């Protein structure tokens, strides 16, 4: 399945919430949390949110989203705040396309890109494929991070971007 990546727009909030519903069992509550709505809306307004959608939807937008990414950039430190790909298309390149577009738009070398994902002992660590995904993109596991809202372990993954 070919995914087109674009900047998120205000009407994409519903799609972000649909994606969040697929992973709440791993990440904790999001769909009904005003703080999550605010974070997504803020990233969209600041132009720091991307969505992946099927190519046929890219012209009109507003269809089912395949993935979403929230990003933070403070040169030379860059942060993937949230990245989710629809369960039905994981492993088909949407996550890689989102990351490539985020790095193309916002990352300048030299710098460091970081993401907090599941700790090795978290039930979602293998099932979601997140740890393996980031390792395939050249990230390496680093220090532990604060536990997630559901109580599961988290770990920083980091990748240096050379100049």
Protein backbone atom coordinates (compact mmCIF):
# COMPACT_ATOMS: atom_id res chain seq x y z
CA UNK A 1 0.00 0.00 0.00
CA UNK A 2 1.46 3.35 -1.04
CA UNK A 3 1.25 6.13 1.52
CA UNK A 4 1.38 9.83 0.82
CA UNK A 5 2.72 11.98 3.65
CA UNK A 6 1.60 15.56 4.19
CA UNK A 7 1.34 18.16 6.92
CA UNK A 8 -1.65 17.51 9.15
CA UNK A 9 -4.61 19.89 9.06
CA UNK A 10 -7.23 20.69 11.69
CA UNK A 11 -9.74 18.22 10.22
CA UNK A 12 -7.21 15.39 10.79
CA UNK A 13 -7.81 15.40 14.56
CA UNK A 14 -10.48 12.69 14.22
CA UNK A 15 -7.98 10.50 12.34
CA UNK A 16 -5.37 10.99 15.06
CA UNK A 17 -7.95 9.93 17.64
CA UNK A 18 -8.86 6.84 15.59
CA UNK A 19 -5.18 5.89 15.48
CA UNK A 20 -4.81 6.55 19.22
CA UNK A 21 -7.73 4.22 19.94
CA UNK A 22 -5.76 1.38 18.33
CA UNK A 23 -2.86 1.74 20.78
CA UNK A 24 -4.41 2.91 24.05
CA UNK A 25 -3.94 -0.57 25.52
CA UNK A 26 -0.19 0.03 25.23
CA UNK A 27 0.10 3.78 25.84
CA UNK A 28 -2.74 4.53 28.22
CA UNK A 29 -5.75 6.81 27.73
CA UNK A 30 -5.63 9.32 24.91
CA UNK A 31 -8.91 9.44 22.98
CA UNK A 32 -10.93 10.97 25.83
CA UNK A 33 -8.02 12.92 27.32
CA UNK A 34 -8.23 16.69 26.74
CA UNK A 35 -4.44 16.91 27.11
CA UNK A 36 -3.92 14.60 24.14
CA UNK A 37 -6.41 16.57 22.03
CA UNK A 38 -4.58 19.77 22.97
CA UNK A 39 -1.16 18.29 22.11
CA UNK A 40 -2.32 17.10 18.69
CA UNK A 41 -4.05 20.42 17.94
CA UNK A 42 -0.99 22.39 19.03
CA UNK A 43 1.36 20.31 16.86
CA UNK A 44 -0.99 20.78 13.89
CA UNK A 45 -1.20 24.55 14.44
CA UNK A 46 2.59 24.79 14.73
CA UNK A 47 3.10 22.78 11.54
CA UNK A 48 4.82 19.95 13.44
CA UNK A 49 2.35 17.14 12.68
CA UNK A 50 2.37 14.81 9.70
CA UNK A 51 -0.11 12.26 8.44
CA UNK A 52 0.20 9.34 6.06
CA UNK A 53 -2.82 8.49 3.93
CA UNK A 54 -3.53 6.34 0.92
CA UNK A 55 -2.47 7.94 -2.33
CA UNK A 56 -6.06 8.15 -3.60
CA UNK A 57 -7.03 10.22 -0.55
CA UNK A 58 -4.11 12.63 -0.83
CA UNK A 59 -5.84 14.92 -3.28
CA UNK A 60 -8.93 15.51 -1.19
CA UNK A 61 -7.66 14.64 2.28
CA UNK A 62 -9.89 13.91 5.19
CA UNK A 63 -10.11 10.17 4.55
CA UNK A 64 -8.88 7.41 6.82
CA UNK A 65 -5.39 8.13 8.04
CA UNK A 66 -2.80 5.36 7.86
CA UNK A 67 -0.46 7.00 10.35
CA UNK A 68 0.34 10.13 12.26
CA UNK A 69 3.45 11.75 13.72
CA UNK A 70 3.95 14.62 16.16
CA UNK A 71 7.42 16.15 16.10
CA UNK A 72 9.46 18.62 18.10
CA UNK A 73 12.51 20.45 16.86
CA UNK A 74 14.93 22.46 18.94
CA UNK A 75 18.12 22.39 16.91
CA UNK A 76 20.23 20.33 17.52
CA UNK A 77 17.85 18.12 19.52
CA UNK A 78 14.88 16.63 17.69
CA UNK A 79 12.08 14.60 19.24
CA UNK A 80 9.48 12.22 17.88
CA UNK A 81 6.69 13.00 20.33
CA UNK A 82 4.23 10.44 18.97
CA UNK A 83 4.18 8.07 16.00
CA UNK A 84 1.43 5.56 15.28
CA UNK A 85 0.66 3.57 12.15
CA UNK A 86 -2.65 1.80 11.66
CA UNK A 87 -2.41 -1.80 12.76
CA UNK A 88 -3.67 -3.09 9.42
CA UNK A 89 -0.76 -1.61 7.46
CA UNK A 90 2.17 -1.82 9.86
CA UNK A 91 5.25 -3.09 8.11
CA UNK A 92 4.28 -1.59 4.74
CA UNK A 93 6.36 1.61 4.86
CA UNK A 94 4.00 4.26 6.26
CA UNK A 95 6.06 4.70 9.45
CA UNK A 96 9.29 4.90 7.48
CA UNK A 97 7.70 7.48 5.14
CA UNK A 98 6.53 9.59 8.10
CA UNK A 99 10.00 9.52 9.67
CA UNK A 100 11.71 10.34 6.37
CA UNK A 101 9.44 13.35 5.81
CA UNK A 102 9.89 14.59 9.39
CA UNK A 103 13.66 14.40 9.03
CA UNK A 104 13.57 16.07 5.62
CA UNK A 105 11.46 18.96 6.95
CA UNK A 106 12.90 19.57 10.38
CA UNK A 107 16.22 17.85 11.12
CA UNK A 108 19.48 19.65 10.44
CA UNK A 109 22.88 18.09 11.03
CA UNK A 110 24.66 17.84 13.28
CA UNK A 111 22.09 16.80 15.82
CA UNK A 112 20.35 14.05 17.68
CA UNK A 113 16.92 12.57 17.03
CA UNK A 114 15.25 10.93 20.04
CA UNK A 115 12.11 8.98 20.64
CA UNK A 116 10.75 7.34 23.75
CA UNK A 117 9.30 3.92 23.09
CA UNK A 118 8.54 0.75 24.99
CA UNK A 119 11.06 -0.75 27.36
CA UNK A 120 12.27 -4.23 26.44
CA UNK A 121 9.99 -5.82 29.07
CA UNK A 122 6.82 -3.98 27.97
CA UNK A 123 4.12 -6.24 26.44
CA UNK A 124 3.94 -3.95 23.40
CA UNK A 125 7.69 -3.99 22.79
CA UNK A 126 7.55 -6.92 20.38
CA UNK A 127 3.87 -6.97 19.44
CA UNK A 128 3.86 -3.39 18.18
CA UNK A 129 7.19 -3.74 16.38
CA UNK A 130 8.21 -0.28 17.64
CA UNK A 131 11.63 -1.18 19.01
CA UNK A 132 12.60 -3.13 15.89
CA UNK A 133 11.24 -0.31 13.70
CA UNK A 134 13.45 2.31 15.32
CA UNK A 135 16.49 0.01 15.29
CA UNK A 136 16.00 -0.53 11.52
CA UNK A 137 16.09 3.27 11.15
CA UNK A 138 19.47 3.40 12.90
CA UNK A 139 18.31 4.32 16.41
CA UNK A 140 20.01 2.68 19.37
CA UNK A 141 18.51 1.98 22.78
CA UNK A 142 19.70 4.45 25.41
CA UNK A 143 18.70 5.24 28.99
CA UNK A 144 15.38 4.23 30.58
CA UNK A 145 12.62 6.85 30.52
CA UNK A 146 9.78 7.56 32.92
CA UNK A 147 7.09 4.86 32.91
CA UNK A 148 4.07 5.42 30.69
CA UNK A 149 0.66 6.43 32.07
CA UNK A 150 -0.41 2.78 32.02
CA UNK A 151 2.62 1.90 34.17
CA UNK A 152 4.65 0.18 31.46
CA UNK A 153 8.38 0.68 31.02
CA UNK A 154 9.77 3.13 28.48
CA UNK A 155 13.20 3.66 26.95
CA UNK A 156 14.87 6.43 24.97
CA UNK A 157 16.07 5.50 21.50
CA UNK A 158 18.58 7.89 19.93
CA UNK A 159 20.19 8.46 16.55
CA UNK A 160 22.99 10.88 15.80
CA UNK A 161 22.72 12.90 12.60
CA UNK A 162 26.18 13.69 11.24
CA UNK A 163 27.05 16.98 9.60
